[in-house]
Amino acid sequence: MVIAMFRKTRLRIFLLIAAVATAVIAIMLSVIYIANKTYSYERGISLLERYVEDNMDAPPPGTPDRDSEPAMDTPPQRPKDHNRMFNLSTFYSVLYGHNGEIIKVNCDGGLLYSEQEIIKIADSVLDGGIKRGTYGDMPFLVKTNGDTTVVALLDNTMENDNSNRLFINSLIVGFSAWVVILLLSWIYSKKIVDPLELNDTKQKQFISDAGHELKTPISVISANSDILATEIGDNKWLDNIRYENERMSQLVIELLDLMRAENSSVVKERLDLSNLVSGEVLPFESVAFEKGLTIKCDIEDGIFVLGDKNRLNQLVSILTDNAIEHSSGGKEISIKLYSSKKTAVLSVVNTGEPIPEETQGRLFDRFYKVDDARKDSNGHYGLGLAIAKAITNSHDGTISVNCHDGLVEFKVKIPKI
């Protein structure tokens, strides 16, 4: 069980690092893609503006239409200060008159689109009513000068190919980095968890060794105090020694029970949980009666689980004893066992003071008690619920606490068969 716990811890660390690495790489690739596309678009629009300004001045009124005037076959002379990118770019343009008639079509030496295709694209751009943008992969610009309108487009094929190639290379590099990070995170997650596992093992070994070592002096003190009591009779100092020795003995027993519950392997067998709960609760009826309480059982028959009989008996005993010990303001303790889908559910309810939500999660910690003022007053050390949780975990189950309407409910869920 402990090994499984640290495996889960290692897996959580690995998944956290993987999630962060994935998010960072995804963001970086997105930024590269968006920035590249934005830069390509803005540069294309800038080139189109210069192209329109320098080369596509509207002809004077009365210029014959394109059916009577041949299309421009040679590219116009461009200013010497235009950069190399401008000189290497391929532009297309269509000039419209005030009535929408086509005056000129310029393909500027482009081979990818025919004149009719350019006209069709330009018509679609005008119908869209947008002054600048992209049509497919081509940036376009629409400008009106008096009664004429020009639609200019830039053949961005080479630019897009370079952009796509850059992004694909970025994806390859990003994926490679992601794989390397995953491998390193898996290796280093083990290095992070190993010291914690070693420390936990040493701590539990110390508690186990100390518990076994303490059993001998406790037994000696108990035997000597009994002998001394027969010689001197009643003595308050001797009574204090015997009382504290009994408390120490109970603490050692609980510590060893906790170590066994957390570390020992569970030998599971098919058990009738219904009979087990009924039999374990029965001896507590007299204990409850002495405190003015009654135990009401509602146990569904025929519920079977795979488990360790002794440990499940201990689990029921701990929860029942806890309910009796902390019951206040009521006369009844309710114990229910029922089926819920694929689990067997054990519910132990008693009346009592509500447990604050911020402390409910700590109830199952070692040595934790909600009311510190009552600590050790009843011979308990806050280990019972920690043992109950360890037993539940070893049976692949869950344990929880819930407070409602003046009631405190402990609920255990264990897979049934």
Protein backbone atom coordinates (compact mmCIF):
# COMPACT_ATOMS: atom_id res chain seq x y z
CA MET A 1 0.00 0.00 0.00
CA VAL A 2 2.81 2.40 0.89
CA ILE A 3 4.63 1.57 -2.34
CA ALA A 4 1.45 2.29 -4.27
CA MET A 5 1.12 5.62 -2.48
CA PHE A 6 4.59 6.74 -3.50
CA ARG A 7 4.03 5.49 -7.04
CA LYS A 8 0.96 7.71 -7.20
CA THR A 9 2.99 10.61 -5.84
CA ARG A 10 5.65 10.06 -8.48
CA LEU A 11 3.00 9.83 -11.18
CA ARG A 12 1.38 13.08 -10.00
CA ILE A 13 4.75 14.87 -10.09
CA PHE A 14 5.43 13.51 -13.56
CA LEU A 15 1.98 14.50 -14.85
CA LEU A 16 2.35 17.98 -13.38
CA ILE A 17 5.71 18.52 -15.09
CA ALA A 18 4.36 17.04 -18.32
CA ALA A 19 1.30 19.31 -18.20
CA VAL A 20 3.43 22.41 -17.61
CA ALA A 21 5.88 21.43 -20.37
CA THR A 22 3.02 20.74 -22.78
CA ALA A 23 1.39 24.08 -22.02
CA VAL A 24 4.65 26.04 -22.37
CA ILE A 25 5.59 24.37 -25.68
CA ALA A 26 2.06 24.76 -27.04
CA ILE A 27 2.07 28.46 -26.15
CA MET A 28 5.48 28.97 -27.73
CA LEU A 29 4.42 27.24 -30.95
CA SER A 30 1.19 29.23 -31.04
CA VAL A 31 3.09 32.49 -30.55
CA ILE A 32 5.53 31.55 -33.32
CA TYR A 33 2.70 30.64 -35.70
CA ILE A 34 0.59 33.72 -34.96
CA ALA A 35 3.57 36.09 -35.04
CA ASN A 36 4.78 34.63 -38.33
CA LYS A 37 1.34 34.85 -39.93
CA THR A 38 0.80 38.37 -38.63
CA TYR A 39 4.20 39.53 -39.88
CA SER A 40 3.59 37.92 -43.28
CA TYR A 41 0.17 39.57 -43.57
CA GLU A 42 1.37 43.02 -42.50
CA ARG A 43 4.32 42.88 -44.86
CA GLY A 44 2.04 41.77 -47.70
CA ILE A 45 -0.34 44.69 -47.10
CA SER A 46 2.62 47.09 -46.97
CA LEU A 47 3.91 45.80 -50.31
CA LEU A 48 0.44 46.09 -51.83
CA GLU A 49 0.11 49.70 -50.68
CA ARG A 50 3.42 50.57 -52.32
CA TYR A 51 2.43 48.65 -55.43
CA VAL A 52 -0.89 50.49 -55.73
CA GLU A 53 0.70 53.84 -55.03
CA ASP A 54 3.52 53.41 -57.57
CA ASN A 55 1.99 51.41 -60.37
CA MET A 56 -1.76 51.48 -60.45
CA ASP A 57 -2.68 55.10 -60.89
CA ALA A 58 -6.12 55.41 -62.42
CA PRO A 59 -6.14 56.41 -66.09
CA PRO A 60 -7.72 59.69 -67.03
CA PRO A 61 -11.43 59.76 -67.86
CA GLY A 62 -12.29 58.46 -71.30
CA THR A 63 -9.62 55.73 -71.26
CA PRO A 64 -10.78 52.83 -73.44
CA ASP A 65 -11.81 49.67 -71.66
CA ARG A 66 -9.74 46.50 -71.68
CA ASP A 67 -11.46 45.17 -74.79
CA SER A 68 -10.05 48.04 -76.87
CA GLU A 69 -6.73 48.40 -75.03
CA PRO A 70 -4.28 45.59 -74.58
CA ALA A 71 -3.43 44.54 -71.06
CA MET A 72 -0.20 45.75 -69.59
CA ASP A 73 2.41 43.17 -70.65
CA THR A 74 5.52 44.66 -69.08
CA PRO A 75 5.76 45.49 -65.45
CA PRO A 76 6.01 49.20 -64.73
CA GLN A 77 9.27 50.76 -63.67
CA ARG A 78 9.67 50.73 -59.92
CA PRO A 79 11.65 53.23 -57.88
CA LYS A 80 15.20 52.23 -57.19
CA ASP A 81 14.72 52.45 -53.44
CA HIS A 82 12.22 49.60 -53.34
CA ASN A 83 13.62 46.69 -51.43
CA ARG A 84 14.54 43.33 -52.83
CA MET A 85 11.39 41.69 -51.47
CA PHE A 86 9.26 44.13 -53.45
CA ASN A 87 11.18 43.37 -56.64
CA LEU A 88 10.82 39.61 -56.12
CA SER A 89 7.09 39.71 -55.35
CA THR A 90 4.35 38.90 -57.87
CA PHE A 91 1.33 41.21 -57.91
CA TYR A 92 -2.09 41.00 -59.53
CA SER A 93 -4.53 43.87 -59.92
CA VAL A 94 -7.85 44.72 -61.47
CA LEU A 95 -8.88 48.36 -62.16
CA TYR A 96 -12.61 49.13 -62.13
CA GLY A 97 -14.37 52.21 -63.52
CA HIS A 98 -17.15 54.15 -61.85
CA ASN A 99 -19.83 51.84 -63.26
CA GLY A 100 -17.97 48.71 -62.21
CA GLU A 101 -16.59 48.01 -65.67
CA ILE A 102 -13.12 46.50 -65.81
CA ILE A 103 -10.56 48.90 -67.21
CA LYS A 104 -7.32 47.00 -66.71
CA VAL A 105 -6.10 43.63 -65.52
CA ASN A 106 -2.46 43.25 -64.55
CA CYS A 107 -0.95 39.81 -63.88
CA ASP A 108 2.60 41.18 -63.60
CA GLY A 109 4.18 38.04 -64.98
CA GLY A 110 2.38 35.72 -62.56
CA LEU A 111 1.92 32.17 -63.80
CA LEU A 112 -0.29 30.69 -61.06
CA TYR A 113 -3.48 32.54 -61.95
CA SER A 114 -4.99 33.38 -65.32
CA GLU A 115 -6.58 36.71 -66.10
CA GLN A 116 -10.08 35.29 -65.73
CA GLU A 117 -9.21 33.78 -62.34
CA ILE A 118 -7.87 37.11 -61.12
CA ILE A 119 -11.05 38.88 -62.26
CA LYS A 120 -13.18 36.31 -60.47
CA ILE A 121 -11.15 36.75 -57.26
CA ALA A 122 -11.31 40.55 -57.52
CA ASP A 123 -15.09 40.44 -58.00
CA SER A 124 -15.41 38.28 -54.88
CA VAL A 125 -13.26 40.71 -52.91
CA LEU A 126 -15.42 43.66 -53.98
CA ASP A 127 -18.59 41.79 -53.11
CA GLY A 128 -17.21 41.21 -49.61
CA GLY A 129 -16.95 44.95 -49.00
CA ILE A 130 -13.65 44.65 -47.09
CA LYS A 131 -10.81 47.02 -47.91
CA ARG A 132 -7.96 44.73 -46.83
CA GLY A 133 -7.52 41.14 -45.80
CA THR A 134 -6.70 37.78 -47.32
CA TYR A 135 -8.38 35.73 -50.00
CA GLY A 136 -7.22 32.19 -49.44
CA ASP A 137 -3.50 32.72 -48.87
CA MET A 138 -3.28 35.96 -50.87
CA PRO A 139 -3.31 39.34 -49.13
CA PHE A 140 -5.50 41.87 -50.94
CA LEU A 141 -5.99 45.62 -50.85
CA VAL A 142 -8.88 47.68 -52.19
CA LYS A 143 -8.42 51.39 -52.86
CA THR A 144 -10.71 53.94 -54.47
CA ASN A 145 -9.43 57.02 -56.25
CA GLY A 146 -12.17 59.22 -57.59
CA ASP A 147 -14.36 57.16 -59.90
CA THR A 148 -11.96 54.23 -60.10
CA THR A 149 -11.33 51.33 -57.76
CA VAL A 150 -8.33 49.05 -57.80
CA VAL A 151 -8.17 45.56 -56.30
CA ALA A 152 -4.56 44.49 -55.78
CA LEU A 153 -3.45 41.01 -54.70
CA LEU A 154 -0.09 39.59 -53.76
CA ASP A 155 1.01 36.09 -54.73
CA ASN A 156 2.25 34.90 -51.34
CA THR A 157 2.96 31.30 -52.32
CA MET A 158 6.68 31.37 -51.61
CA GLU A 159 6.19 33.29 -48.39
CA ASN A 160 3.57 30.80 -47.20
CA ASP A 161 5.78 27.86 -48.11
CA ASN A 162 8.62 29.34 -46.09
CA SER A 163 6.25 30.08 -43.23
CA ASN A 164 4.84 26.55 -43.23
CA ARG A 165 8.32 25.07 -43.41
CA LEU A 166 9.38 27.18 -40.44
CA PHE A 167 6.35 26.08 -38.45
CA ILE A 168 6.90 22.41 -39.29
CA ASN A 169 10.51 22.71 -38.16
CA SER A 170 9.28 24.40 -34.98
CA LEU A 171 6.87 21.53 -34.42
CA ILE A 172 9.65 18.99 -34.83
CA VAL A 173 11.92 20.86 -32.43
CA GLY A 174 9.06 21.40 -29.98
CA PHE A 175 8.03 17.75 -30.05
CA SER A 176 11.63 16.63 -29.56
CA ALA A 177 12.02 18.98 -26.62
CA TRP A 178 8.71 17.72 -25.18
CA VAL A 179 9.87 14.09 -25.38
CA VAL A 180 13.20 14.95 -23.74
CA ILE A 181 11.41 16.84 -20.95
CA LEU A 182 9.09 13.89 -20.34
CA LEU A 183 12.00 11.48 -20.09
CA LEU A 184 13.91 13.76 -17.74
CA SER A 185 10.83 14.45 -15.62
CA TRP A 186 10.17 10.73 -15.23
CA ILE A 187 13.77 10.16 -14.15
CA TYR A 188 13.90 13.11 -11.76
CA SER A 189 10.44 12.43 -10.32
CA LYS A 190 11.92 9.20 -8.98
CA LYS A 191 14.84 11.12 -7.51
CA ILE A 192 12.34 13.45 -5.82
CA VAL A 193 10.18 10.67 -4.40
CA ASP A 194 12.96 8.27 -3.32
CA PRO A 195 14.14 10.37 -0.32
CA LEU A 196 10.52 10.78 0.82
CA GLU A 197 9.93 7.05 0.57
CA LEU A 198 13.17 6.30 2.39
CA ASN A 199 12.33 8.77 5.16
CA ASP A 200 8.84 7.30 5.53
CA THR A 201 10.26 3.79 5.69
CA LYS A 202 12.79 4.78 8.36
CA GLN A 203 10.12 6.58 10.37
CA LYS A 204 7.79 3.59 10.34
CA GLN A 205 10.64 1.21 11.10
CA PHE A 206 11.60 3.37 14.08
CA ILE A 207 8.02 3.38 15.40
CA SER A 208 7.75 -0.37 14.93
CA ASP A 209 11.12 -1.03 16.63
CA ALA A 210 10.36 1.39 19.44
CA GLY A 211 6.96 -0.19 19.97
CA HIS A 212 8.41 -3.66 20.28
CA GLU A 213 11.20 -2.44 22.58
CA LEU A 214 8.69 -0.65 24.83
CA LYS A 215 6.56 -3.74 25.31
CA THR A 216 9.14 -5.33 27.60
CA PRO A 217 9.55 -2.46 30.12
CA ILE A 218 5.80 -1.90 30.10
CA SER A 219 5.23 -5.54 31.00
CA VAL A 220 7.88 -5.34 33.74
CA ILE A 221 6.36 -2.17 35.21
CA SER A 222 2.90 -3.75 35.15
CA ALA A 223 4.10 -6.90 36.88
CA ASN A 224 6.09 -5.02 39.53
CA SER A 225 3.24 -2.62 40.25
CA ASP A 226 0.87 -5.53 40.76
CA ILE A 227 3.31 -7.16 43.20
CA LEU A 228 3.85 -3.88 44.99
CA ALA A 229 0.11 -3.37 45.31
CA THR A 230 -0.24 -6.65 47.19
CA GLU A 231 2.42 -5.54 49.67
CA ILE A 232 1.48 -1.93 50.42
CA GLY A 233 -2.18 -1.93 49.50
CA ASP A 234 -3.95 1.11 48.03
CA ASN A 235 -1.59 3.97 47.22
CA LYS A 236 -2.32 6.97 45.03
CA TRP A 237 1.23 7.12 43.68
CA LEU A 238 1.09 3.46 42.75
CA ASP A 239 -2.31 4.00 41.15
CA ASN A 240 -0.82 6.80 39.02
CA ILE A 241 2.00 4.51 37.92
CA ARG A 242 -0.41 1.76 36.95
CA TYR A 243 -2.72 4.18 35.12
CA GLU A 244 0.08 5.74 33.07
CA ASN A 245 1.52 2.30 32.35
CA GLU A 246 -1.83 1.15 30.98
CA ARG A 247 -2.02 4.26 28.80
CA MET A 248 1.48 3.62 27.50
CA SER A 249 0.59 0.01 26.79
CA GLN A 250 -2.49 1.09 24.83
CA LEU A 251 -0.42 3.59 22.85
CA VAL A 252 2.13 0.93 21.90
CA ILE A 253 -0.66 -1.44 20.82
CA GLU A 254 -2.24 1.24 18.63
CA LEU A 255 1.11 2.21 17.10
CA LEU A 256 1.87 -1.39 16.20
CA ASP A 257 -1.66 -1.83 14.80
CA LEU A 258 -1.14 1.24 12.63
CA MET A 259 2.21 -0.02 11.35
CA ARG A 260 0.72 -3.39 10.49
CA ALA A 261 -2.27 -1.78 8.76
CA GLU A 262 -0.04 0.49 6.67
CA ASN A 263 2.79 -1.88 5.80
CA SER A 264 1.72 -5.50 6.00
CA SER A 265 0.40 -7.17 2.89
CA VAL A 266 -3.29 -8.07 2.95
CA VAL A 267 -4.27 -11.68 2.43
CA LYS A 268 -7.74 -11.35 0.96
CA GLU A 269 -10.48 -13.94 0.92
CA ARG A 270 -14.15 -13.99 0.04
CA LEU A 271 -16.03 -12.68 3.07
CA ASP A 272 -19.67 -12.24 3.97
CA LEU A 273 -19.45 -8.61 5.08
CA SER A 274 -23.04 -8.63 6.30
CA ASN A 275 -22.34 -11.35 8.88
CA LEU A 276 -18.99 -9.81 9.76
CA VAL A 277 -20.50 -6.40 10.60
CA SER A 278 -23.40 -7.95 12.54
CA GLY A 279 -21.06 -10.07 14.62
CA GLU A 280 -18.61 -7.26 15.36
CA VAL A 281 -21.25 -4.74 16.39
CA LEU A 282 -23.02 -7.11 18.81
CA PRO A 283 -20.50 -6.87 21.73
CA PHE A 284 -20.74 -3.06 21.64
CA GLU A 285 -24.44 -3.07 22.53
CA SER A 286 -23.63 -3.56 26.22
CA VAL A 287 -21.00 -0.82 26.09
CA ALA A 288 -23.50 1.55 24.49
CA PHE A 289 -26.17 0.59 27.05
CA GLU A 290 -23.89 1.61 29.91
CA LYS A 291 -23.73 5.09 28.37
CA GLY A 292 -27.46 5.32 27.84
CA LEU A 293 -27.26 4.61 24.12
CA THR A 294 -28.82 2.08 21.79
CA ILE A 295 -27.38 0.74 18.55
CA LYS A 296 -29.76 0.51 15.62
CA CYS A 297 -28.53 -1.79 12.86
CA ASP A 298 -29.81 -1.87 9.29
CA ILE A 299 -27.65 -4.45 7.54
CA GLU A 300 -28.42 -5.71 4.08
CA ASP A 301 -27.89 -9.44 3.67
CA GLY A 302 -25.68 -11.13 1.11
CA ILE A 303 -22.97 -8.50 0.66
CA PHE A 304 -19.63 -10.13 -0.15
CA VAL A 305 -16.18 -8.57 -0.47
CA LEU A 306 -12.59 -9.66 -0.92
CA GLY A 307 -10.76 -8.75 2.25
CA ASP A 308 -8.86 -9.59 5.41
CA LYS A 309 -11.32 -10.72 8.09
CA ASN A 310 -9.30 -9.54 11.09
CA ARG A 311 -8.66 -6.10 9.63
CA LEU A 312 -12.26 -5.56 8.57
CA ASN A 313 -13.37 -6.58 12.06
CA GLN A 314 -10.96 -4.00 13.43
CA LEU A 315 -12.34 -1.37 11.05
CA VAL A 316 -15.92 -1.94 12.21
CA SER A 317 -14.78 -1.98 15.84
CA ILE A 318 -12.93 1.33 15.51
CA LEU A 319 -15.85 3.14 13.88
CA THR A 320 -18.41 1.74 16.36
CA ASP A 321 -16.24 2.57 19.37
CA ASN A 322 -15.60 6.06 17.97
CA ALA A 323 -19.36 6.65 17.58
CA ILE A 324 -20.08 5.55 21.15
CA GLU A 325 -17.21 7.59 22.57
CA HIS A 326 -18.16 10.83 20.85
CA SER A 327 -21.95 10.56 20.90
CA SER A 328 -23.63 13.47 22.69
CA GLY A 329 -27.14 14.83 22.90
CA GLY A 330 -28.75 11.70 21.47
CA LYS A 331 -29.79 8.20 22.40
CA GLU A 332 -29.15 6.25 19.25
CA ILE A 333 -26.25 5.16 17.06
CA SER A 334 -27.14 4.06 13.55
CA ILE A 335 -25.08 1.45 11.70
CA LYS A 336 -26.02 0.64 8.12
CA LEU A 337 -24.55 -1.66 5.51
CA TYR A 338 -25.92 -1.56 1.98
CA SER A 339 -24.98 -2.03 -1.66
CA SER A 340 -24.39 0.91 -3.99
CA LYS A 341 -23.58 -0.06 -7.58
CA LYS A 342 -20.23 -1.89 -7.33
CA THR A 343 -19.41 -1.02 -3.71
CA ALA A 344 -20.42 -2.06 -0.23
CA VAL A 345 -21.16 0.98 1.93
CA LEU A 346 -20.78 0.97 5.72
CA SER A 347 -22.32 4.00 7.45
CA VAL A 348 -21.88 4.74 11.18
CA VAL A 349 -23.86 7.73 12.46
CA ASN A 350 -23.97 9.31 15.91
CA THR A 351 -25.24 12.57 17.31
CA GLY A 352 -22.54 15.05 18.20
CA GLU A 353 -21.01 18.44 17.76
CA PRO A 354 -20.41 19.29 14.08
CA ILE A 355 -16.81 18.95 12.97
CA PRO A 356 -15.51 22.09 11.20
CA GLU A 357 -14.98 21.52 7.49
CA GLU A 358 -11.39 22.74 7.64
CA THR A 359 -10.52 19.97 10.11
CA GLN A 360 -12.54 17.10 8.62
CA GLY A 361 -9.73 16.17 6.25
CA ARG A 362 -7.28 15.93 9.17
CA LEU A 363 -9.38 13.52 11.23
CA PHE A 364 -7.58 10.58 9.67
CA ASP A 365 -4.09 11.92 10.45
CA ARG A 366 -2.05 10.28 13.17
CA PHE A 367 -2.50 11.71 16.68
CA TYR A 368 -5.05 14.28 15.49
CA LYS A 369 -8.01 15.12 17.72
CA VAL A 370 -10.55 17.84 17.08
CA ASP A 371 -10.78 18.87 20.73
CA ASP A 372 -7.25 19.28 22.11
CA ALA A 373 -8.62 19.99 25.58
CA ARG A 374 -9.93 16.41 25.77
CA LYS A 375 -6.74 14.87 24.44
CA ASP A 376 -5.76 11.65 26.23
CA SER A 377 -8.68 12.05 28.65
CA ASN A 378 -10.36 8.88 27.42
CA GLY A 379 -7.31 6.73 26.77
CA HIS A 380 -7.33 7.36 23.04
CA TYR A 381 -4.47 8.95 21.11
CA GLY A 382 -6.01 9.88 17.78
CA LEU A 383 -4.72 6.75 16.06
CA GLY A 384 -8.02 4.90 15.64
CA LEU A 385 -9.21 6.75 12.56
CA ALA A 386 -5.70 6.65 11.06
CA ILE A 387 -5.81 2.86 11.44
CA ALA A 388 -9.32 2.80 9.92
CA LYS A 389 -8.10 4.76 6.92
CA ALA A 390 -5.08 2.47 6.46
CA ILE A 391 -7.32 -0.62 6.56
CA THR A 392 -9.75 0.95 4.09
CA ASN A 393 -6.94 1.89 1.70
CA SER A 394 -5.51 -1.61 1.85
CA HIS A 395 -8.90 -2.86 0.63
CA ASP A 396 -8.98 -0.36 -2.27
CA GLY A 397 -11.75 1.58 -0.57
CA THR A 398 -12.44 5.11 0.66
CA ILE A 399 -13.43 6.58 4.01
CA SER A 400 -15.03 9.96 4.63
CA VAL A 401 -16.81 12.00 7.29
CA ASN A 402 -19.91 14.13 6.88
CA CYS A 403 -21.75 16.36 9.35
CA HIS A 404 -25.41 17.27 8.88
CA ASP A 405 -28.45 18.06 11.06
CA GLY A 406 -26.55 17.50 14.31
CA LEU A 407 -25.27 14.11 13.13
CA VAL A 408 -21.75 12.90 12.42
CA GLU A 409 -21.46 10.17 9.80
CA PHE A 410 -18.42 8.08 8.91
CA LYS A 411 -18.83 6.26 5.61
CA VAL A 412 -16.64 3.49 4.22
CA LYS A 413 -16.91 2.22 0.64
CA ILE A 414 -15.25 -1.07 -0.37
CA PRO A 415 -15.53 -2.85 -3.73
CA LYS A 416 -17.88 -5.81 -3.52
CA ILE A 417 -17.90 -9.06 -5.47
